[in-house]
Amino acid sequence: MGIHDEKVISVELGDQPGDNKDDTLLKELGYTPELKRNFSVIQVFGIAFSIMSLLPSIASVLVYSLPAGPVGMTWGWLIASCLILTVGMSMAEMGSAMPTSGGLYWWTYKFSPPSVRKPLCFLAGYASSLGLTGALVSIDYGFSVLLLSVPAIATDGGYSPTKYHTYGVFAATVISHGIAGALASKLVAKMQTFCIITNAVVIVVTMIALPIGKARNAGGINSGKYVFSHMENFYTWPQGFSFILSWLSPVWTICAFDSCVHMAEEASNASVAVPFGIVGSISLCGILGFFINAVIAASMDTNIENLLGASSGQPMAQILYDALGKRWTIGIMTCLFVIQWFMGFSVAVAGSRQVWAFSRDGALPFSRWLRVLNVKLQSPLRAMWFICTLALIIALLSLIDTAATSALFSLAVASNYLAWIIPIFMRVVFNVDTFKPGPFYLGRIGSKVVGSIATIFGTFVIVCLTMFPLSGPDPTKDTMNYTAVINGTVWLGSLAYYYIDARKWFTGPKQTLEELNQFIESDVIAENDLSIESSLKKD
């Protein structure tokens, strides 16, 4: 019987009295519980909110919204956030009904037609693994830029970081996440509460201090008319498309909610924790981000060209410096890059769970090695180091030129959205009427409407936002967007790998529970045989 049949055969291991409802549901999906459920509902929300970390994330990608002016920063953020929420709600429905760490490719297999379910499952798994690795790359690269902006400010522009300095800090940061994954695995859940509180404190302090400093030291805050109706266009694209490109800021920032899915097998009350974490983090970040961007627009230099060309290489650092001076800027920027370190660590944890789950199903190279858990720490440390090593290799692109560096930020978005919209599209088209919902459900019609919007928006993000060159419709080799090359290589490569070789052995998600029960049953049979043989000898 396949893992997706409606009725699941009861087996001895699944009927143990100590099982809780989370483990029982996981066994119904075909998997043996192997990870400890250390994450509460709030902590599952916390890991997504921690990865999104609004203020450092907005600071890292302000370069994408500034070219469209304050309108791009405020209304662009709000519109995109509402569209992102449709993706999150569709994912939350599936996560509520079928909470497993490899949810994205598992759902793809379940909802796709039999003729394409295995290659699409294979593609979704590779896209998700690459997307989370890309998220680690972009977050830690953003961390490096934030950190190096501090000495640039402290020396009044005397120090200007090079791409080699930035990569060196990036490499040290990624390695520190791998080490922390080994040393602090038992504290990961508790760290999420710390991250929520720290993010809230820094946001409140900065949002109060910034307009006060602007009013006192930089000629007064900008008018509401400027904040909510003034547009700019520093691209060579038409102004309307420049406004749409400003959506890259929220699309990149609110891009890690699938981490809740990947932590599902470590969550208590997973069918509630996963959808709450997804919908809650997107909604909160969408609302708070709108007000944060409005405050930044009210407090910044109206000559946006000065911000985009800041000597520190960080527009947010220049905005803080203009309004608050050197000491406040160094203090706030230090807080931001500390928070961003935790962002990178959280996404590395989530990514390691996806890699572990995908290797558990035998789909990655070295799967038998990667799927091994550290027994003492009850954590997939090999998967953690795998994703960190891959991140170090991918980030070498930043040493080529600025165009390749920009592709690093789009890498996570493109692959993540592909992994997200494949199962959403398949469920909307093929299985919306037969879907067995969990506690979070939009209803048959609501699911179809929201899922359709999510699919259209996700496709638009992949094709138009991440693949188009930012500079304009006539790119050169130095301004070309290489995201399509990087992602296309992995996507087409994974499909080629499937059809050339993996189709011979990849059968989709495995039933680890069934395998374990077969082992137990064979062990019992062997013991019975020994007993019979012993009895015969006595006779």
Protein backbone atom coordinates (compact mmCIF):
# COMPACT_ATOMS: atom_id res chain seq x y z
CA MET A 1 0.00 0.00 0.00
CA GLY A 2 1.38 3.48 -0.92
CA ILE A 3 2.03 6.19 1.64
CA HIS A 4 -0.76 8.32 0.25
CA ASP A 5 -3.63 5.87 0.46
CA GLU A 6 -6.59 7.23 2.41
CA LYS A 7 -6.55 4.31 4.85
CA VAL A 8 -3.40 3.46 6.72
CA ILE A 9 -2.71 -0.08 7.94
CA SER A 10 -2.13 -0.14 11.72
CA VAL A 11 1.17 -1.61 12.74
CA GLU A 12 2.60 -2.61 16.07
CA LEU A 13 4.94 0.38 16.39
CA GLY A 14 2.17 2.85 15.62
CA ASP A 15 -0.07 1.55 18.37
CA GLN A 16 2.18 2.11 21.33
CA PRO A 17 0.36 3.77 24.25
CA GLY A 18 3.05 6.42 24.69
CA ASP A 19 2.44 7.96 21.27
CA ASN A 20 1.04 11.49 21.12
CA LYS A 21 -1.22 12.81 18.39
CA ASP A 22 1.69 14.46 16.53
CA ASP A 23 3.61 11.21 16.26
CA THR A 24 0.44 9.32 15.35
CA LEU A 25 -0.25 11.76 12.50
CA LEU A 26 3.35 11.50 11.30
CA LYS A 27 3.06 7.71 11.24
CA GLU A 28 -0.10 8.03 9.17
CA LEU A 29 2.04 9.92 6.66
CA GLY A 30 4.45 6.97 6.64
CA TYR A 31 7.36 8.25 8.74
CA THR A 32 8.91 6.98 11.95
CA PRO A 33 9.23 9.83 14.52
CA GLU A 34 12.96 10.42 14.94
CA LEU A 35 13.27 14.01 16.23
CA LYS A 36 12.30 15.36 19.63
CA ARG A 37 9.35 17.76 19.69
CA ASN A 38 11.06 20.67 21.48
CA PHE A 39 9.26 23.51 19.67
CA SER A 40 6.07 25.03 21.05
CA VAL A 41 3.52 26.82 18.85
CA ILE A 42 5.10 30.19 19.66
CA GLN A 43 8.61 28.90 19.00
CA VAL A 44 7.62 27.58 15.57
CA PHE A 45 6.29 31.07 14.83
CA GLY A 46 9.51 32.43 16.28
CA ILE A 47 11.81 30.61 13.87
CA ALA A 48 10.01 32.15 10.85
CA PHE A 49 9.83 35.57 12.49
CA SER A 50 13.49 35.29 13.46
CA ILE A 51 14.57 34.52 9.90
CA MET A 52 12.47 37.43 8.60
CA SER A 53 13.85 39.80 11.30
CA LEU A 54 12.28 42.91 9.89
CA LEU A 55 14.68 45.74 10.59
CA PRO A 56 17.94 44.08 9.49
CA SER A 57 16.16 42.51 6.52
CA ILE A 58 14.68 45.82 5.40
CA ALA A 59 18.10 47.41 5.86
CA SER A 60 19.72 44.70 3.71
CA VAL A 61 17.28 45.06 0.80
CA LEU A 62 16.44 48.75 0.99
CA VAL A 63 18.43 49.11 -2.21
CA TYR A 64 15.55 47.39 -4.06
CA SER A 65 12.73 49.65 -2.82
CA LEU A 66 14.56 53.00 -2.69
CA PRO A 67 14.80 53.35 -6.50
CA ALA A 68 10.99 53.61 -6.64
CA GLY A 69 10.94 56.23 -3.87
CA PRO A 70 8.72 56.31 -0.76
CA VAL A 71 5.72 54.91 -2.66
CA GLY A 72 7.71 51.79 -3.49
CA MET A 73 8.81 51.51 0.14
CA THR A 74 5.31 51.81 1.62
CA TRP A 75 2.58 50.83 -0.83
CA GLY A 76 4.85 48.45 -2.69
CA TRP A 77 5.53 46.68 0.59
CA LEU A 78 1.85 46.47 1.55
CA ILE A 79 0.59 45.18 -1.81
CA ALA A 80 3.28 42.52 -2.05
CA SER A 81 2.71 41.44 1.56
CA CYS A 82 -0.97 40.78 0.85
CA LEU A 83 -0.06 38.66 -2.17
CA ILE A 84 2.60 36.78 -0.20
CA LEU A 85 -0.08 36.00 2.39
CA THR A 86 -2.05 34.04 -0.23
CA VAL A 87 0.97 31.79 -0.75
CA GLY A 88 1.33 31.38 3.01
CA MET A 89 -2.33 30.53 3.56
CA SER A 90 -2.27 27.86 0.88
CA MET A 91 0.87 26.38 2.40
CA ALA A 92 -0.63 26.62 5.90
CA GLU A 93 -3.62 24.50 4.82
CA MET A 94 -1.34 21.70 3.65
CA GLY A 95 0.96 22.05 6.65
CA SER A 96 -2.01 21.80 9.00
CA ALA A 97 -3.28 18.62 7.35
CA MET A 98 0.09 16.94 6.64
CA PRO A 99 2.86 18.32 8.89
CA THR A 100 6.17 16.73 7.87
CA SER A 101 9.67 18.21 7.48
CA GLY A 102 9.75 17.43 3.76
CA GLY A 103 6.27 18.83 3.27
CA LEU A 104 6.79 20.69 0.01
CA TYR A 105 7.93 17.72 -2.05
CA TRP A 106 5.70 15.32 -0.07
CA TRP A 107 2.61 17.39 -0.95
CA THR A 108 3.77 17.62 -4.56
CA TYR A 109 3.87 13.83 -4.76
CA LYS A 110 0.48 13.45 -3.11
CA PHE A 111 -1.44 15.95 -5.25
CA SER A 112 0.22 15.50 -8.65
CA PRO A 113 -1.13 13.14 -11.34
CA PRO A 114 0.61 9.73 -11.24
CA SER A 115 2.34 10.33 -14.58
CA VAL A 116 4.35 13.33 -13.30
CA ARG A 117 4.34 12.98 -9.53
CA LYS A 118 7.83 11.51 -9.19
CA PRO A 119 9.76 14.01 -11.38
CA LEU A 120 7.82 16.96 -9.91
CA CYS A 121 8.44 15.68 -6.38
CA PHE A 122 12.14 15.39 -7.26
CA LEU A 123 12.19 18.94 -8.67
CA ALA A 124 10.32 20.45 -5.71
CA GLY A 125 12.74 18.83 -3.27
CA TYR A 126 15.81 20.13 -5.07
CA ALA A 127 14.30 23.60 -5.50
CA SER A 128 13.45 23.76 -1.80
CA SER A 129 16.93 22.62 -0.79
CA LEU A 130 18.54 25.20 -3.10
CA GLY A 131 16.11 27.91 -1.97
CA LEU A 132 16.97 27.46 1.69
CA THR A 133 20.68 27.35 0.88
CA GLY A 134 20.23 30.55 -1.12
CA ALA A 135 18.42 32.12 1.83
CA LEU A 136 21.41 31.30 4.04
CA VAL A 137 23.74 32.84 1.45
CA SER A 138 21.75 36.06 1.08
CA ILE A 139 21.12 36.52 4.82
CA ASP A 140 24.75 35.93 5.77
CA TYR A 141 25.99 38.07 2.90
CA GLY A 142 23.66 40.84 4.10
CA PHE A 143 25.07 40.32 7.59
CA SER A 144 28.58 40.84 6.23
CA VAL A 145 27.58 44.10 4.55
CA LEU A 146 25.90 45.35 7.74
CA LEU A 147 28.89 44.43 9.90
CA LEU A 148 31.44 46.05 7.58
CA SER A 149 29.36 49.23 7.37
CA VAL A 150 30.20 49.86 11.04
CA PRO A 151 33.98 50.38 10.56
CA ALA A 152 33.20 52.40 7.42
CA ILE A 153 31.03 54.74 9.51
CA ALA A 154 33.45 54.77 12.44
CA THR A 155 36.28 55.95 10.17
CA ASP A 156 34.06 58.49 8.39
CA GLY A 157 34.51 56.70 5.11
CA GLY A 158 38.23 56.07 5.59
CA TYR A 159 37.61 52.34 5.35
CA SER A 160 35.78 50.95 2.35
CA PRO A 161 35.11 47.18 2.38
CA THR A 162 36.13 45.19 -0.68
CA LYS A 163 34.34 42.14 -2.06
CA TYR A 164 37.10 39.99 -0.58
CA HIS A 165 36.56 41.44 2.89
CA THR A 166 32.84 40.82 2.54
CA TYR A 167 33.30 37.21 1.47
CA GLY A 168 35.79 36.61 4.29
CA VAL A 169 33.27 37.81 6.90
CA PHE A 170 30.56 35.80 5.16
CA ALA A 171 32.62 32.60 5.28
CA ALA A 172 33.39 33.05 8.98
CA THR A 173 29.69 33.63 9.66
CA VAL A 174 28.56 30.48 7.85
CA ILE A 175 31.16 28.40 9.65
CA SER A 176 30.01 29.86 12.98
CA HIS A 177 26.46 28.69 12.18
CA GLY A 178 27.70 25.17 11.57
CA ILE A 179 29.56 25.19 14.89
CA ALA A 180 26.55 26.65 16.71
CA GLY A 181 24.38 23.92 15.21
CA ALA A 182 26.53 21.39 17.03
CA LEU A 183 26.99 23.24 20.31
CA ALA A 184 23.54 24.75 20.77
CA SER A 185 21.18 22.24 19.19
CA LYS A 186 19.24 21.80 22.44
CA LEU A 187 18.84 25.56 22.79
CA VAL A 188 17.54 26.27 19.28
CA ALA A 189 13.90 26.29 20.36
CA LYS A 190 14.55 28.56 23.35
CA MET A 191 16.59 30.95 21.19
CA GLN A 192 13.46 31.77 19.17
CA THR A 193 11.84 33.48 22.16
CA PHE A 194 15.00 35.55 22.63
CA CYS A 195 14.94 36.51 18.94
CA ILE A 196 11.29 37.64 19.08
CA ILE A 197 11.98 39.89 22.10
CA THR A 198 15.23 41.29 20.67
CA ASN A 199 13.61 42.10 17.32
CA ALA A 200 10.73 43.89 19.04
CA VAL A 201 13.02 45.97 21.25
CA VAL A 202 15.30 47.08 18.39
CA ILE A 203 12.31 47.97 16.18
CA VAL A 204 10.68 50.08 18.91
CA VAL A 205 13.92 51.89 19.84
CA THR A 206 14.88 52.62 16.22
CA MET A 207 11.41 53.72 15.14
CA ILE A 208 11.21 56.18 18.05
CA ALA A 209 14.77 57.50 17.80
CA LEU A 210 14.90 57.89 14.02
CA PRO A 211 12.15 60.52 13.51
CA ILE A 212 13.18 62.37 16.69
CA GLY A 213 16.75 62.57 15.45
CA LYS A 214 15.62 63.63 11.99
CA ALA A 215 13.45 66.40 13.45
CA ARG A 216 16.28 67.72 15.66
CA ASN A 217 19.34 67.27 13.49
CA ALA A 218 18.36 67.02 9.83
CA GLY A 219 15.80 69.74 9.13
CA GLY A 220 12.56 68.04 10.22
CA ILE A 221 10.75 64.90 9.15
CA ASN A 222 9.36 64.53 5.66
CA SER A 223 5.66 65.20 5.04
CA GLY A 224 3.00 62.53 4.85
CA LYS A 225 2.42 63.51 1.24
CA TYR A 226 6.06 62.74 0.45
CA VAL A 227 5.97 59.44 2.32
CA PHE A 228 2.79 58.08 0.73
CA SER A 229 2.63 59.69 -2.69
CA HIS A 230 6.15 60.56 -3.90
CA MET A 231 7.61 58.27 -6.59
CA GLU A 232 11.09 58.06 -8.05
CA ASN A 233 12.62 55.94 -10.80
CA PHE A 234 16.30 55.18 -10.68
CA TYR A 235 15.96 52.34 -13.15
CA THR A 236 15.67 52.60 -16.93
CA TRP A 237 12.49 50.54 -16.77
CA PRO A 238 9.15 52.41 -17.06
CA GLN A 239 8.04 53.86 -13.74
CA GLY A 240 5.24 51.34 -13.29
CA PHE A 241 7.59 48.39 -13.53
CA SER A 242 10.09 50.15 -11.26
CA PHE A 243 7.32 50.26 -8.65
CA ILE A 244 6.73 46.52 -9.12
CA LEU A 245 10.46 45.86 -8.73
CA SER A 246 10.20 47.48 -5.29
CA TRP A 247 8.23 44.36 -4.31
CA LEU A 248 11.58 42.56 -4.21
CA SER A 249 12.12 44.07 -0.76
CA PRO A 250 9.10 42.37 0.94
CA VAL A 251 9.40 39.30 -1.31
CA TRP A 252 12.96 38.77 -0.08
CA THR A 253 12.22 39.70 3.54
CA ILE A 254 9.01 37.68 3.96
CA CYS A 255 10.52 34.61 2.36
CA ALA A 256 11.21 32.09 5.09
CA PHE A 257 7.79 31.07 6.32
CA ASP A 258 8.28 27.57 4.91
CA SER A 259 10.76 27.09 7.77
CA CYS A 260 7.68 26.26 9.89
CA VAL A 261 7.02 23.32 7.58
CA HIS A 262 10.58 22.04 7.88
CA MET A 263 10.38 22.17 11.70
CA ALA A 264 7.07 20.26 11.74
CA GLU A 265 8.54 17.03 13.08
CA GLU A 266 10.05 18.93 16.03
CA ALA A 267 6.85 20.86 16.88
CA SER A 268 4.30 20.09 19.54
CA ASN A 269 0.73 20.32 18.24
CA ALA A 270 2.22 20.53 14.75
CA SER A 271 -1.11 20.75 12.89
CA VAL A 272 -1.74 24.06 14.68
CA ALA A 273 1.84 25.27 15.14
CA VAL A 274 2.74 25.09 11.43
CA PRO A 275 -0.18 27.15 10.06
CA PHE A 276 0.00 29.61 12.98
CA GLY A 277 3.72 30.13 12.36
CA ILE A 278 3.23 30.66 8.62
CA VAL A 279 0.18 32.95 8.65
CA GLY A 280 1.19 34.75 11.86
CA SER A 281 4.72 35.61 10.72
CA ILE A 282 3.60 36.84 7.29
CA SER A 283 0.77 38.95 8.71
CA LEU A 284 2.84 40.52 11.47
CA CYS A 285 5.78 41.26 9.19
CA GLY A 286 3.49 42.71 6.54
CA ILE A 287 1.85 45.15 8.96
CA LEU A 288 4.97 46.10 10.94
CA GLY A 289 7.05 46.37 7.78
CA PHE A 290 4.63 48.91 6.29
CA PHE A 291 4.97 51.18 9.35
CA ILE A 292 8.75 50.70 9.56
CA ASN A 293 9.16 51.68 5.92
CA ALA A 294 6.89 54.69 6.45
CA VAL A 295 9.04 55.85 9.38
CA ILE A 296 12.23 55.34 7.35
CA ALA A 297 10.75 57.30 4.42
CA ALA A 298 9.76 60.11 6.79
CA SER A 299 13.27 60.24 8.26
CA MET A 300 15.53 59.85 5.23
CA ASP A 301 17.28 62.31 2.93
CA THR A 302 14.93 63.22 0.08
CA ASN A 303 17.92 63.05 -2.27
CA ILE A 304 17.74 59.30 -2.73
CA GLU A 305 20.79 59.28 -4.95
CA ASN A 306 22.90 60.17 -1.89
CA LEU A 307 21.55 57.11 -0.08
CA LEU A 308 22.08 54.71 -2.97
CA GLY A 309 25.65 55.96 -3.35
CA ALA A 310 26.52 55.94 0.37
CA SER A 311 30.23 55.40 1.07
CA SER A 312 29.42 52.69 3.63
CA GLY A 313 27.62 50.72 0.91
CA GLN A 314 24.54 50.58 3.16
CA PRO A 315 21.64 53.04 2.59
CA MET A 316 20.12 52.32 6.01
CA ALA A 317 23.43 53.13 7.71
CA GLN A 318 23.47 56.47 5.90
CA ILE A 319 19.86 57.23 6.94
CA LEU A 320 20.72 56.51 10.58
CA TYR A 321 23.92 58.55 10.34
CA ASP A 322 22.13 61.59 8.88
CA ALA A 323 19.44 61.56 11.56
CA LEU A 324 21.24 60.28 14.67
CA GLY A 325 24.96 60.77 14.18
CA LYS A 326 27.87 58.38 14.37
CA ARG A 327 27.47 56.86 17.86
CA TRP A 328 23.78 56.04 17.55
CA THR A 329 24.36 54.65 14.07
CA ILE A 330 27.15 52.35 15.21
CA GLY A 331 25.03 51.17 18.15
CA ILE A 332 21.94 50.42 16.07
CA MET A 333 23.86 48.84 13.20
CA THR A 334 25.64 46.61 15.71
CA CYS A 335 22.26 45.45 17.06
CA LEU A 336 21.06 44.83 13.51
CA PHE A 337 23.96 42.64 12.47
CA VAL A 338 23.76 40.69 15.74
CA ILE A 339 20.08 39.97 15.03
CA GLN A 340 20.97 39.05 11.45
CA TRP A 341 23.42 36.46 12.73
CA PHE A 342 20.51 34.73 14.44
CA MET A 343 18.54 35.02 11.20
CA GLY A 344 21.24 33.09 9.40
CA PHE A 345 21.44 30.50 12.14
CA SER A 346 17.67 29.92 12.09
CA VAL A 347 17.56 29.46 8.31
CA ALA A 348 20.54 27.09 8.51
CA VAL A 349 18.59 25.01 11.05
CA ALA A 350 15.47 24.97 8.83
CA GLY A 351 17.55 24.16 5.74
CA SER A 352 19.29 21.28 7.49
CA ARG A 353 15.88 19.75 8.28
CA GLN A 354 14.85 19.95 4.61
CA VAL A 355 18.13 18.36 3.51
CA TRP A 356 17.75 15.67 6.16
CA ALA A 357 14.16 14.92 5.16
CA PHE A 358 15.02 14.78 1.45
CA SER A 359 17.99 12.51 2.11
CA ARG A 360 15.72 10.33 4.31
CA ASP A 361 13.81 9.68 1.09
CA GLY A 362 17.05 8.88 -0.73
CA ALA A 363 16.90 11.74 -3.24
CA LEU A 364 20.16 13.62 -2.57
CA PRO A 365 23.71 12.50 -3.34
CA PHE A 366 25.26 10.90 -0.22
CA SER A 367 21.73 10.43 1.21
CA ARG A 368 22.73 7.46 3.38
CA TRP A 369 25.38 9.64 5.01
CA LEU A 370 23.31 12.83 5.22
CA ARG A 371 20.21 11.29 6.78
CA VAL A 372 22.12 10.08 9.86
CA LEU A 373 21.12 11.88 13.06
CA ASN A 374 23.53 12.72 15.85
CA VAL A 375 22.18 10.44 18.57
CA LYS A 376 23.47 12.50 21.48
CA LEU A 377 22.14 15.84 20.22
CA GLN A 378 19.15 14.39 18.33
CA SER A 379 20.00 16.72 15.46
CA PRO A 380 20.96 16.30 11.76
CA LEU A 381 24.45 17.79 12.07
CA ARG A 382 25.69 16.26 8.82
CA ALA A 383 22.86 17.97 6.95
CA MET A 384 23.73 21.23 8.71
CA TRP A 385 27.35 21.09 7.53
CA PHE A 386 26.22 20.06 4.06
CA ILE A 387 24.09 23.19 3.63
CA CYS A 388 26.83 25.40 5.12
CA THR A 389 29.45 23.98 2.74
CA LEU A 390 27.14 24.44 -0.24
CA ALA A 391 26.52 28.05 0.83
CA LEU A 392 30.26 28.76 0.93
CA ILE A 393 30.64 27.44 -2.62
CA ILE A 394 27.66 29.33 -4.07
CA ALA A 395 28.75 32.63 -2.50
CA LEU A 396 32.02 32.52 -4.44
CA LEU A 397 29.92 34.14 -7.20
CA SER A 398 30.14 37.38 -5.21
CA LEU A 399 33.83 37.57 -6.10
CA ILE A 400 32.99 37.92 -9.80
CA ASP A 401 31.08 41.21 -10.02
CA THR A 402 28.07 43.13 -8.68
CA ALA A 403 25.67 41.40 -11.08
CA ALA A 404 26.62 37.99 -9.71
CA THR A 405 26.30 39.34 -6.17
CA SER A 406 22.76 40.57 -6.90
CA ALA A 407 21.89 37.10 -8.18
CA LEU A 408 22.65 35.71 -4.71
CA PHE A 409 19.71 37.64 -3.28
CA SER A 410 17.32 36.44 -5.98
CA LEU A 411 18.55 32.85 -5.79
CA ALA A 412 16.56 32.02 -2.64
CA VAL A 413 13.40 33.75 -3.84
CA ALA A 414 13.23 32.01 -7.23
CA SER A 415 13.86 28.47 -5.97
CA ASN A 416 11.68 28.83 -2.90
CA TYR A 417 8.74 30.12 -4.91
CA LEU A 418 9.08 27.26 -7.39
CA ALA A 419 9.03 24.75 -4.53
CA TRP A 420 6.00 26.52 -3.02
CA ILE A 421 3.78 26.94 -6.06
CA ILE A 422 4.19 23.41 -7.47
CA PRO A 423 2.20 21.68 -4.67
CA ILE A 424 -0.21 24.64 -4.41
CA PHE A 425 -0.98 24.48 -8.14
CA MET A 426 -1.35 20.70 -8.10
CA ARG A 427 -3.77 20.77 -5.19
CA VAL A 428 -5.87 23.55 -6.72
CA VAL A 429 -6.10 21.87 -10.09
CA PHE A 430 -6.27 18.18 -9.20
CA ASN A 431 -7.18 17.68 -5.55
CA VAL A 432 -9.02 20.63 -4.03
CA ASP A 433 -12.25 18.61 -3.69
CA THR A 434 -10.64 15.51 -2.16
CA PHE A 435 -8.26 17.35 0.18
CA LYS A 436 -8.67 16.18 3.78
CA PRO A 437 -8.15 19.38 5.82
CA GLY A 438 -6.54 19.94 9.19
CA PRO A 439 -7.49 22.55 11.81
CA PHE A 440 -6.58 25.43 9.43
CA TYR A 441 -8.79 25.38 6.35
CA LEU A 442 -10.17 28.09 4.04
CA GLY A 443 -13.03 25.99 2.69
CA ARG A 444 -13.35 24.38 -0.73
CA ILE A 445 -14.02 27.63 -2.62
CA GLY A 446 -11.65 29.72 -0.51
CA SER A 447 -8.84 27.23 -1.04
CA LYS A 448 -9.28 27.31 -4.78
CA VAL A 449 -9.44 31.13 -5.02
CA VAL A 450 -6.51 31.78 -2.69
CA GLY A 451 -4.47 28.97 -4.24
CA SER A 452 -5.06 30.32 -7.74
CA ILE A 453 -3.94 33.82 -6.73
CA ALA A 454 -0.89 32.35 -5.00
CA THR A 455 0.07 30.37 -8.10
CA ILE A 456 -0.24 33.39 -10.42
CA PHE A 457 1.69 35.63 -8.03
CA GLY A 458 4.39 33.02 -7.46
CA THR A 459 4.88 32.56 -11.19
CA PHE A 460 5.12 36.33 -11.63
CA VAL A 461 7.74 36.54 -8.87
CA ILE A 462 9.89 33.86 -10.50
CA VAL A 463 9.66 35.13 -14.07
CA CYS A 464 9.52 38.92 -13.66
CA LEU A 465 10.90 39.90 -10.27
CA THR A 466 13.83 37.54 -9.91
CA MET A 467 14.83 36.95 -13.53
CA PHE A 468 14.59 40.43 -15.09
CA PRO A 469 17.75 42.59 -14.94
CA LEU A 470 17.27 45.41 -12.44
CA SER A 471 19.19 47.97 -14.47
CA GLY A 472 16.73 48.00 -17.37
CA PRO A 473 15.61 46.30 -20.57
CA ASP A 474 19.02 46.60 -22.28
CA PRO A 475 21.48 44.88 -19.95
CA THR A 476 25.19 44.47 -20.52
CA LYS A 477 27.30 41.55 -19.33
CA ASP A 478 28.00 43.55 -16.17
CA THR A 479 24.35 44.36 -15.43
CA MET A 480 22.74 41.11 -16.56
CA ASN A 481 20.69 39.16 -14.02
CA TYR A 482 22.28 35.72 -13.68
CA THR A 483 19.58 34.28 -11.42
CA ALA A 484 18.07 32.43 -14.38
CA VAL A 485 21.42 30.79 -15.09
CA ILE A 486 21.98 29.62 -11.51
CA ASN A 487 18.47 28.42 -10.83
CA GLY A 488 17.93 27.06 -14.33
CA THR A 489 21.04 24.96 -14.04
CA VAL A 490 19.80 23.37 -10.81
CA TRP A 491 16.18 22.95 -11.96
CA LEU A 492 17.01 21.49 -15.37
CA GLY A 493 19.92 19.57 -13.89
CA SER A 494 17.72 17.91 -11.28
CA LEU A 495 15.17 16.91 -13.93
CA ALA A 496 17.96 15.59 -16.18
CA TYR A 497 19.38 13.67 -13.23
CA TYR A 498 15.95 12.17 -12.59
CA TYR A 499 15.31 11.04 -16.16
CA ILE A 500 18.86 9.79 -16.75
CA ASP A 501 19.35 7.89 -13.53
CA ALA A 502 17.09 8.65 -10.53
CA ARG A 503 13.92 7.38 -12.23
CA LYS A 504 15.42 3.88 -11.90
CA TRP A 505 15.49 4.05 -8.10
CA PHE A 506 13.58 7.11 -6.83
CA THR A 507 10.09 6.02 -5.90
CA GLY A 508 8.96 9.18 -4.14
CA PRO A 509 8.72 9.65 -0.36
CA LYS A 510 9.59 6.43 1.44
CA GLN A 511 7.69 4.68 4.20
CA THR A 512 10.29 4.63 6.93
CA LEU A 513 7.63 3.38 9.35
CA GLU A 514 6.83 0.43 7.09
CA GLU A 515 10.52 -0.37 6.72
CA LEU A 516 11.00 -0.33 10.48
CA ASN A 517 7.98 -2.54 11.04
CA GLN A 518 9.24 -5.01 8.44
CA PHE A 519 12.53 -5.11 10.33
CA ILE A 520 10.71 -5.68 13.63
CA GLU A 521 8.47 -8.36 12.10
CA SER A 522 11.45 -10.19 10.59
CA ASP A 523 13.20 -10.01 13.96
CA VAL A 524 10.12 -11.48 15.66
CA ILE A 525 9.89 -14.26 13.04
CA ALA A 526 13.57 -15.07 13.56
CA GLU A 527 13.03 -15.30 17.33
CA ASN A 528 9.98 -17.56 16.80
CA ASP A 529 12.00 -19.79 14.47
CA LEU A 530 14.69 -20.10 17.11
CA SER A 531 12.07 -20.99 19.71
CA ILE A 532 10.54 -23.67 17.46
CA GLU A 533 13.97 -25.08 16.66
CA SER A 534 14.82 -25.20 20.36
CA SER A 535 11.54 -27.00 21.14
CA LEU A 536 12.18 -29.59 18.43
CA LYS A 537 15.62 -30.32 19.82
CA LYS A 538 14.15 -30.85 23.29
CA ASP A 539 11.57 -33.24 21.87
